[in-house]
Amino acid sequence: ISGMYAGMRSVNYYGRNFLVIPELAADNVYLAATNSNRFLSSFRLTWLTSDPDITNIWNQAYTVMLRANNIINSIPALTDGTEEEKKDALGQALFIRALMHFDLLRIFSQPYVIGGGSAPGIPVMTKFEIGSPARNTEDEVYTQIISDLTQAKSILPQNATLPYNANAYAASALLARVYLYKGDNAGAVSEATTVISSGKYSIVAAKDLPDFYNTTGTSEDIFTLMVLATESLGSDDVGRIYLKPGYGDIRVSPDLVKVFDTADARYKSYILPFDGDNKEYENDKFTGQDGIFGLYSPKILRISEQYLIRAEANAKLGNYTAALEDVNAIRAKRTIPNLVNIPDADVLAKVLLERRKELMFEGHRYFDLLRNKQDIVRAFCGDPLELNTPACTYPATQQTVIPPIPQREIDVNKNIAQNPGY
């Protein structure tokens, strides 16, 4: 189990790249004209089939999935250990296997609302075997993810005191996210409500925001990938790609800055002048943990997202009052007034805007745009401070806004079909 979680801490995955690429590919941040030559294709959306960053996400997620499968498939043969220990190990591995499938599906397949259930997903892998697996349909991948999480939820404990290992509420929280992406809004509301109503988690207060991302095990955290000080990636810690001293390649886009009320505690805590220069802005969410500059333990699931999931799903179901209540629960902790007298037709947009502000820089923005069929629009595009790009707007339905299946995989597996446009 420790090795399974360790694989997720790779710089190629939750250690940095899986948090950074979905932000760079969208509109919250930009790559500075002067940079260290990292993530150019992700910012420009000009991925090649040999792109190393995309290839490494594919490889690392399947490596972690293999570790999860080895646990799942070995437990029935174990003669040592209590039944409780076996159930806990099985539940954690099922949770991680589901998360790996879901992450890969989000990166390499069209959003469900665009591609539909029959569109190519990714290969579902439930055991180690030599072979040439083909891509399962999106429906088949979602079926596997939901099955794994449902089973995990039924056997994992609900009384876990620390968020560093998956528990039943983490399984429900991930299910809520999965249902939202699939368009099962009723399911999303149900699972998010399970977590919110548990009373075990609370939205972080405004006064605690400045150090929130540098603090592990808070009451906001549902599932956090713990990174110890001894596990620092050094210059590749996620904060260093945003900040100086460090690479400092990624700056906060004025497109994001302008959507904030300057009284918002998130704006005051996390969006500051870049390196003391008022011409640009920096992301100060990941300034450091345990005295190590740029170190961050990814808060993969947290309670604020559950309120936003429920709000979005309710808005799409036409439950506008309930949607605004959840948004206002967050706004109350961000020192900004409640949303009132909002026309029904505008509620969803208000929810998505709040989601953008609350989850900025955490690896959600690109997925949120595409799964809502919203184009990637960069108004700051063309400024000399920003790396030049071939376009300023990328339609959500454009084939190449989805990365390619890595050529390395296709070379050794003739059953794998490439994504359109490559």
Protein backbone atom coordinates (compact mmCIF):
# COMPACT_ATOMS: atom_id res chain seq x y z
CA ILE A 1 0.00 0.00 0.00
CA SER A 2 2.85 2.38 0.80
CA GLY A 3 4.37 1.65 -2.59
CA MET A 4 1.04 2.30 -4.30
CA TYR A 5 0.79 5.76 -2.76
CA ALA A 6 4.49 6.41 -3.39
CA GLY A 7 3.93 5.94 -7.11
CA MET A 8 1.42 8.77 -7.07
CA ARG A 9 4.03 11.16 -5.65
CA SER A 10 6.12 11.00 -8.84
CA VAL A 11 6.87 14.36 -10.48
CA ASN A 12 5.16 12.89 -13.54
CA TYR A 13 1.89 12.55 -11.66
CA TYR A 14 0.51 14.17 -8.49
CA GLY A 15 4.00 15.24 -7.49
CA ARG A 16 3.67 18.07 -10.02
CA ASN A 17 2.73 17.48 -13.64
CA PHE A 18 -0.85 16.28 -13.20
CA LEU A 19 -1.59 19.39 -11.16
CA VAL A 20 0.16 21.76 -13.56
CA ILE A 21 -0.80 20.58 -17.06
CA PRO A 22 -4.61 20.98 -16.65
CA GLU A 23 -4.03 24.56 -15.49
CA LEU A 24 -1.60 25.46 -18.28
CA ALA A 25 -3.86 23.94 -20.93
CA ALA A 26 -6.73 26.20 -19.82
CA ASP A 27 -6.97 29.89 -18.89
CA ASN A 28 -6.03 30.36 -15.23
CA VAL A 29 -2.30 30.70 -15.85
CA TYR A 30 0.18 31.27 -18.63
CA LEU A 31 3.73 30.25 -19.44
CA ALA A 32 6.12 33.19 -19.25
CA ALA A 33 7.91 34.22 -22.44
CA THR A 34 11.16 33.61 -20.58
CA ASN A 35 10.97 30.10 -19.21
CA SER A 36 12.94 26.93 -18.50
CA ASN A 37 11.57 25.14 -21.58
CA ARG A 38 9.09 23.07 -19.60
CA PHE A 39 5.44 22.37 -20.53
CA LEU A 40 5.57 24.30 -23.83
CA SER A 41 3.32 21.87 -25.71
CA SER A 42 0.78 21.71 -22.90
CA PHE A 43 0.39 25.49 -22.83
CA ARG A 44 0.25 25.72 -26.63
CA LEU A 45 -1.95 22.59 -26.94
CA THR A 46 0.45 21.31 -29.58
CA TRP A 47 1.08 17.86 -28.19
CA LEU A 48 2.95 15.35 -30.34
CA THR A 49 2.47 11.61 -29.99
CA SER A 50 5.97 11.44 -28.48
CA ASP A 51 5.31 14.19 -25.90
CA PRO A 52 7.27 13.15 -22.79
CA ASP A 53 4.97 14.80 -20.24
CA ILE A 54 1.87 13.10 -21.64
CA THR A 55 3.69 9.77 -22.02
CA ASN A 56 4.90 9.93 -18.43
CA ILE A 57 1.39 10.53 -17.05
CA TRP A 58 0.16 7.47 -18.97
CA ASN A 59 3.04 5.31 -17.78
CA GLN A 60 2.92 6.45 -14.16
CA ALA A 61 -0.84 6.05 -13.76
CA TYR A 62 -0.71 2.53 -15.15
CA THR A 63 2.28 1.76 -12.90
CA VAL A 64 0.25 2.76 -9.84
CA MET A 65 -2.71 0.81 -11.20
CA LEU A 66 -0.51 -2.29 -11.46
CA ARG A 67 0.46 -1.91 -7.80
CA ALA A 68 -3.21 -1.58 -6.84
CA ASN A 69 -4.10 -4.66 -8.89
CA ASN A 70 -1.34 -6.68 -7.26
CA ILE A 71 -2.88 -5.90 -3.86
CA ILE A 72 -6.45 -6.62 -4.99
CA ASN A 73 -5.57 -9.92 -6.60
CA SER A 74 -3.20 -11.14 -3.88
CA ILE A 75 -5.47 -10.63 -0.88
CA PRO A 76 -7.67 -13.73 -1.47
CA ALA A 77 -4.61 -15.97 -1.19
CA LEU A 78 -3.31 -14.44 2.06
CA THR A 79 -3.30 -16.68 5.12
CA ASP A 80 -1.95 -14.05 7.53
CA GLY A 81 -3.65 -10.90 8.72
CA THR A 82 -7.11 -10.24 10.11
CA GLU A 83 -10.21 -9.91 7.98
CA GLU A 84 -10.37 -6.25 8.98
CA GLU A 85 -6.83 -5.65 7.73
CA LYS A 86 -7.57 -7.41 4.45
CA LYS A 87 -10.75 -5.41 3.88
CA ASP A 88 -8.94 -2.14 4.57
CA ALA A 89 -6.12 -2.99 2.16
CA LEU A 90 -8.58 -4.14 -0.51
CA GLY A 91 -10.70 -1.02 -0.13
CA GLN A 92 -7.72 1.31 -0.45
CA ALA A 93 -6.47 -0.50 -3.54
CA LEU A 94 -9.92 -0.43 -5.16
CA PHE A 95 -10.12 3.31 -4.47
CA ILE A 96 -6.73 3.97 -6.08
CA ARG A 97 -7.49 1.72 -9.06
CA ALA A 98 -10.66 3.71 -9.65
CA LEU A 99 -8.80 7.02 -9.34
CA MET A 100 -6.16 5.88 -11.84
CA HIS A 101 -8.76 4.85 -14.40
CA PHE A 102 -10.62 8.12 -13.88
CA ASP A 103 -7.51 10.29 -14.23
CA LEU A 104 -6.47 8.52 -17.41
CA LEU A 105 -9.98 8.79 -18.82
CA ARG A 106 -10.07 12.55 -18.12
CA ILE A 107 -6.75 13.13 -19.87
CA PHE A 108 -6.95 10.83 -22.88
CA SER A 109 -10.63 10.68 -23.78
CA GLN A 110 -13.24 13.19 -24.82
CA PRO A 111 -15.57 14.41 -22.06
CA TYR A 112 -18.64 12.23 -21.72
CA VAL A 113 -20.93 15.09 -22.77
CA ILE A 114 -19.03 15.33 -26.08
CA GLY A 115 -17.92 11.79 -26.88
CA GLY A 116 -20.74 9.86 -25.26
CA GLY A 117 -20.58 6.44 -23.70
CA SER A 118 -19.57 4.65 -26.90
CA ALA A 119 -16.50 6.85 -27.50
CA PRO A 120 -13.04 5.33 -26.99
CA GLY A 121 -11.93 5.42 -23.39
CA ILE A 122 -8.75 3.86 -22.05
CA PRO A 123 -7.84 0.20 -21.46
CA VAL A 124 -9.45 -1.15 -18.31
CA MET A 125 -6.86 -3.14 -16.40
CA THR A 126 -7.86 -5.29 -13.44
CA LYS A 127 -4.93 -7.72 -13.33
CA PHE A 128 -1.38 -8.14 -14.54
CA GLU A 129 -1.11 -10.09 -17.75
CA ILE A 130 0.94 -10.05 -20.93
CA GLY A 131 -1.17 -9.01 -23.87
CA SER A 132 -2.38 -6.24 -26.16
CA PRO A 133 -5.38 -4.58 -24.52
CA ALA A 134 -7.65 -2.42 -26.63
CA ARG A 135 -9.36 0.74 -25.49
CA ASN A 136 -12.62 0.12 -23.67
CA THR A 137 -15.55 2.40 -24.33
CA GLU A 138 -16.11 5.31 -21.96
CA ASP A 139 -19.19 3.56 -20.58
CA GLU A 140 -17.15 0.45 -19.81
CA VAL A 141 -14.47 2.50 -18.04
CA TYR A 142 -17.05 4.37 -15.98
CA THR A 143 -18.74 1.08 -15.07
CA GLN A 144 -15.42 -0.24 -13.72
CA ILE A 145 -14.68 2.97 -11.81
CA ILE A 146 -18.11 3.09 -10.20
CA SER A 147 -18.00 -0.61 -9.33
CA ASP A 148 -14.60 -0.26 -7.64
CA LEU A 149 -15.65 2.80 -5.65
CA THR A 150 -18.97 1.30 -4.61
CA GLN A 151 -17.18 -1.78 -3.30
CA ALA A 152 -14.49 0.34 -1.62
CA LYS A 153 -17.15 2.45 0.09
CA SER A 154 -18.84 -0.66 1.46
CA ILE A 155 -15.73 -2.15 3.09
CA LEU A 156 -13.59 0.86 4.11
CA PRO A 157 -13.95 2.35 7.59
CA GLN A 158 -15.81 5.60 8.16
CA ASN A 159 -13.93 6.51 11.32
CA ALA A 160 -10.49 7.18 9.87
CA THR A 161 -9.01 10.15 11.71
CA LEU A 162 -6.35 11.13 9.16
CA PRO A 163 -6.91 11.73 5.43
CA TYR A 164 -3.71 10.09 4.18
CA ASN A 165 -5.32 6.72 3.45
CA ALA A 166 -8.59 6.26 1.61
CA ASN A 167 -11.68 5.73 3.75
CA ALA A 168 -15.38 5.32 2.98
CA TYR A 169 -15.97 9.05 2.76
CA ALA A 170 -13.09 9.44 0.30
CA ALA A 171 -14.77 6.79 -1.86
CA SER A 172 -18.06 8.71 -1.71
CA ALA A 173 -16.29 11.99 -2.50
CA LEU A 174 -14.59 10.51 -5.55
CA LEU A 175 -17.87 8.91 -6.63
CA ALA A 176 -19.50 12.34 -6.46
CA ARG A 177 -16.84 13.72 -8.80
CA VAL A 178 -17.13 10.74 -11.14
CA TYR A 179 -20.93 11.06 -11.36
CA LEU A 180 -20.63 14.79 -12.07
CA TYR A 181 -18.24 14.15 -14.97
CA LYS A 182 -20.48 11.43 -16.35
CA GLY A 183 -23.55 13.65 -16.16
CA ASP A 184 -25.32 11.63 -13.46
CA ASN A 185 -26.27 14.70 -11.46
CA ALA A 186 -28.60 12.89 -9.07
CA GLY A 187 -25.80 10.48 -8.19
CA ALA A 188 -23.40 13.38 -7.67
CA VAL A 189 -25.84 15.09 -5.29
CA SER A 190 -26.38 11.88 -3.34
CA GLU A 191 -22.70 11.06 -2.82
CA ALA A 192 -21.67 14.65 -2.05
CA THR A 193 -24.49 14.83 0.49
CA THR A 194 -23.19 11.67 2.17
CA VAL A 195 -19.84 13.35 2.75
CA ILE A 196 -21.18 16.78 3.71
CA SER A 197 -23.78 15.37 6.07
CA SER A 198 -21.24 13.19 7.88
CA GLY A 199 -20.15 16.21 9.91
CA LYS A 200 -16.55 15.03 9.77
CA TYR A 201 -15.32 17.82 7.49
CA SER A 202 -15.63 21.59 7.50
CA ILE A 203 -14.85 24.36 5.01
CA VAL A 204 -11.57 26.07 5.85
CA ALA A 205 -12.05 29.51 7.39
CA ALA A 206 -10.70 32.67 5.76
CA LYS A 207 -8.19 33.26 8.57
CA ASP A 208 -6.62 29.85 7.89
CA LEU A 209 -6.32 30.21 4.12
CA PRO A 210 -2.76 31.64 3.95
CA ASP A 211 -1.24 28.44 5.40
CA PHE A 212 -3.94 25.98 4.36
CA TYR A 213 -2.06 24.37 1.46
CA ASN A 214 1.10 24.15 3.55
CA THR A 215 -0.77 22.33 6.34
CA THR A 216 -1.69 18.65 6.16
CA GLY A 217 -4.51 16.84 7.89
CA THR A 218 -6.94 19.76 8.26
CA SER A 219 -10.68 19.35 8.79
CA GLU A 220 -11.15 20.32 5.11
CA ASP A 221 -9.10 17.36 3.83
CA ILE A 222 -10.91 14.20 2.74
CA PHE A 223 -8.02 12.52 0.92
CA THR A 224 -4.54 13.99 0.91
CA LEU A 225 -1.48 12.42 -0.71
CA MET A 226 1.01 12.89 2.10
CA VAL A 227 4.49 14.00 1.08
CA LEU A 228 7.05 13.92 3.88
CA ALA A 229 9.93 16.37 4.08
CA THR A 230 12.27 13.50 3.21
CA GLU A 231 10.26 12.89 0.01
CA SER A 232 10.76 16.37 -1.42
CA LEU A 233 11.44 16.46 -5.17
CA GLY A 234 13.81 19.39 -4.71
CA SER A 235 13.66 21.79 -7.63
CA ASP A 236 10.69 19.82 -9.01
CA ASP A 237 8.42 20.42 -6.01
CA VAL A 238 5.19 21.86 -7.41
CA GLY A 239 5.59 25.33 -5.87
CA ARG A 240 8.90 25.89 -7.61
CA ILE A 241 7.39 25.84 -11.10
CA TYR A 242 5.30 28.84 -10.02
CA LEU A 243 7.67 30.78 -7.78
CA LYS A 244 11.10 32.33 -7.48
CA PRO A 245 13.51 31.15 -6.22
CA GLY A 246 12.60 28.22 -8.41
CA TYR A 247 11.73 27.96 -12.09
CA GLY A 248 8.98 30.56 -11.74
CA ASP A 249 7.79 29.74 -15.27
CA ILE A 250 4.03 29.91 -14.66
CA ARG A 251 2.25 33.17 -13.90
CA VAL A 252 -1.37 33.85 -12.93
CA SER A 253 -3.33 35.12 -15.90
CA PRO A 254 -5.09 38.51 -15.68
CA ASP A 255 -8.06 36.56 -17.08
CA LEU A 256 -8.35 34.92 -13.65
CA VAL A 257 -7.38 37.98 -11.62
CA LYS A 258 -10.22 40.07 -13.03
CA VAL A 259 -12.96 37.65 -11.92
CA PHE A 260 -12.12 38.24 -8.24
CA ASP A 261 -13.57 40.69 -5.80
CA THR A 262 -10.38 42.07 -4.21
CA ALA A 263 -11.98 41.56 -0.78
CA ASP A 264 -12.07 37.81 -1.43
CA ALA A 265 -9.81 36.04 1.06
CA ARG A 266 -8.63 33.70 -1.72
CA TYR A 267 -7.46 36.65 -3.79
CA LYS A 268 -5.66 38.22 -0.84
CA SER A 269 -4.08 34.92 0.21
CA TYR A 270 -3.01 33.41 -3.10
CA ILE A 271 -2.67 36.01 -5.87
CA LEU A 272 0.29 38.31 -5.27
CA PRO A 273 2.63 40.38 -7.44
CA PHE A 274 5.09 38.04 -9.11
CA ASP A 275 8.45 38.16 -7.33
CA GLY A 276 7.63 41.65 -6.11
CA ASP A 277 6.98 42.99 -9.62
CA ASN A 278 3.52 44.51 -10.12
CA LYS A 279 3.48 43.68 -13.85
CA GLU A 280 2.63 40.02 -13.26
CA TYR A 281 0.95 37.84 -10.64
CA GLU A 282 2.06 34.67 -8.90
CA ASN A 283 0.28 31.67 -7.39
CA ASP A 284 1.01 31.55 -3.66
CA LYS A 285 -0.97 28.42 -2.82
CA PHE A 286 2.06 26.14 -2.71
CA THR A 287 4.77 28.18 -1.00
CA GLY A 288 6.10 25.34 1.12
CA GLN A 289 5.51 22.71 3.78
CA ASP A 290 7.64 21.61 6.74
CA GLY A 291 10.06 24.45 6.07
CA ILE A 292 10.76 23.25 2.51
CA PHE A 293 10.09 25.85 -0.17
CA GLY A 294 7.57 24.66 -2.78
CA LEU A 295 6.78 21.33 -1.09
CA TYR A 296 3.09 20.37 -1.18
CA SER A 297 1.00 17.38 -0.16
CA PRO A 298 -1.79 17.34 -2.78
CA LYS A 299 -5.27 17.73 -1.31
CA ILE A 300 -6.84 15.45 -3.91
CA LEU A 301 -10.31 15.50 -2.31
CA ARG A 302 -11.57 18.22 0.03
CA ILE A 303 -14.92 19.24 1.40
CA SER A 304 -15.23 22.55 -0.46
CA GLU A 305 -15.21 20.65 -3.75
CA GLN A 306 -18.08 18.50 -2.47
CA TYR A 307 -20.20 21.61 -1.89
CA LEU A 308 -19.34 22.77 -5.41
CA ILE A 309 -20.10 19.36 -6.92
CA ARG A 310 -23.50 19.34 -5.24
CA ALA A 311 -24.13 22.93 -6.29
CA GLU A 312 -23.29 22.26 -9.94
CA ALA A 313 -25.32 19.05 -10.06
CA ASN A 314 -28.31 20.76 -8.43
CA ALA A 315 -28.08 23.69 -10.85
CA LYS A 316 -28.17 21.24 -13.75
CA LEU A 317 -31.18 19.50 -12.16
CA GLY A 318 -32.99 22.82 -11.81
CA ASN A 319 -32.64 22.95 -8.02
CA TYR A 320 -31.41 26.52 -8.10
CA THR A 321 -32.04 27.49 -4.48
CA ALA A 322 -30.10 24.46 -3.21
CA ALA A 323 -27.26 25.23 -5.61
CA LEU A 324 -26.93 28.80 -4.34
CA GLU A 325 -27.04 27.65 -0.72
CA ASP A 326 -23.95 25.50 -1.26
CA VAL A 327 -22.10 28.25 -3.09
CA ASN A 328 -22.94 30.69 -0.33
CA ALA A 329 -21.66 28.24 2.28
CA ILE A 330 -18.23 28.67 0.71
CA ARG A 331 -18.53 32.40 0.07
CA ALA A 332 -19.35 32.94 3.75
CA LYS A 333 -15.88 31.57 4.57
CA ARG A 334 -14.21 33.72 1.91
CA THR A 335 -15.25 37.15 3.25
CA ILE A 336 -17.55 37.94 0.33
CA PRO A 337 -21.32 38.45 0.40
CA ASN A 338 -23.91 35.82 -0.43
CA LEU A 339 -25.31 35.56 -3.92
CA VAL A 340 -28.93 36.72 -3.82
CA ASN A 341 -31.66 37.38 -6.37
CA ILE A 342 -29.82 35.45 -9.06
CA PRO A 343 -32.03 34.57 -12.09
CA ASP A 344 -32.38 30.83 -12.56
CA ALA A 345 -30.74 31.06 -15.99
CA ASP A 346 -27.58 32.49 -14.39
CA VAL A 347 -27.18 30.11 -11.46
CA LEU A 348 -25.02 27.50 -13.22
CA ALA A 349 -22.61 30.17 -14.46
CA LYS A 350 -22.30 31.53 -10.92
CA VAL A 351 -21.58 28.04 -9.59
CA LEU A 352 -18.90 27.39 -12.20
CA LEU A 353 -17.29 30.76 -11.52
CA GLU A 354 -17.12 29.96 -7.81
CA ARG A 355 -15.62 26.59 -8.67
CA ARG A 356 -12.98 28.29 -10.78
CA LYS A 357 -11.96 30.56 -7.91
CA GLU A 358 -12.03 27.93 -5.17
CA LEU A 359 -10.17 25.21 -7.08
CA MET A 360 -7.71 27.38 -9.04
CA PHE A 361 -4.24 25.88 -9.54
CA GLU A 362 -5.37 22.45 -8.25
CA GLY A 363 -5.61 20.74 -11.63
CA HIS A 364 -9.33 21.07 -12.38
CA ARG A 365 -9.78 23.98 -14.76
CA TYR A 366 -9.07 22.30 -18.14
CA PHE A 367 -11.37 19.39 -17.30
CA ASP A 368 -14.09 21.70 -16.01
CA LEU A 369 -14.15 23.72 -19.22
CA LEU A 370 -14.25 20.76 -21.58
CA ARG A 371 -16.80 18.67 -19.63
CA ASN A 372 -19.15 21.68 -19.71
CA LYS A 373 -18.53 22.16 -23.46
CA GLN A 374 -16.94 25.55 -22.81
CA ASP A 375 -14.18 26.71 -25.12
CA ILE A 376 -10.72 27.55 -23.79
CA VAL A 377 -10.54 31.33 -24.27
CA ARG A 378 -7.43 33.31 -23.33
CA ALA A 379 -8.01 37.06 -23.44
CA PHE A 380 -4.44 37.79 -22.27
CA CYS A 381 -3.13 35.89 -25.30
CA GLY A 382 -0.58 37.77 -27.41
CA ASP A 383 0.88 39.85 -24.60
CA PRO A 384 4.70 39.96 -24.85
CA LEU A 385 4.97 38.69 -21.27
CA GLU A 386 3.36 35.41 -22.34
CA LEU A 387 4.82 32.64 -24.47
CA ASN A 388 3.35 32.91 -27.96
CA THR A 389 0.69 30.36 -28.90
CA PRO A 390 -0.82 29.28 -32.23
CA ALA A 391 -4.31 30.34 -31.13
CA CYS A 392 -6.06 32.29 -28.39
CA THR A 393 -9.27 30.23 -28.43
CA TYR A 394 -9.52 26.45 -28.52
CA PRO A 395 -13.03 25.02 -29.09
CA ALA A 396 -14.10 22.39 -26.59
CA THR A 397 -14.97 20.09 -29.49
CA GLN A 398 -11.61 20.49 -31.25
CA GLN A 399 -10.09 17.03 -31.48
CA THR A 400 -6.57 18.04 -30.51
CA VAL A 401 -7.53 19.67 -27.22
CA ILE A 402 -7.36 16.04 -26.06
CA PRO A 403 -3.76 14.74 -25.84
CA PRO A 404 -2.65 11.80 -27.98
CA ILE A 405 -2.24 8.23 -26.83
CA PRO A 406 1.56 7.95 -26.38
CA GLN A 407 3.35 6.63 -29.45
CA ARG A 408 5.39 4.36 -27.22
CA GLU A 409 2.20 2.51 -26.30
CA ILE A 410 1.01 2.26 -29.89
CA ASP A 411 4.40 0.96 -31.05
CA VAL A 412 4.15 -2.07 -28.78
CA ASN A 413 0.39 -2.56 -28.81
CA LYS A 414 -1.30 -2.62 -32.19
CA ASN A 415 -4.73 -2.90 -30.58
CA ILE A 416 -4.52 0.65 -29.21
CA ALA A 417 -6.24 3.18 -31.47
CA GLN A 418 -4.88 6.74 -31.58
CA ASN A 419 -7.04 9.74 -30.75
CA PRO A 420 -8.43 11.64 -33.74
CA GLY A 421 -6.25 14.43 -35.10
CA TYR A 422 -2.89 12.75 -34.49
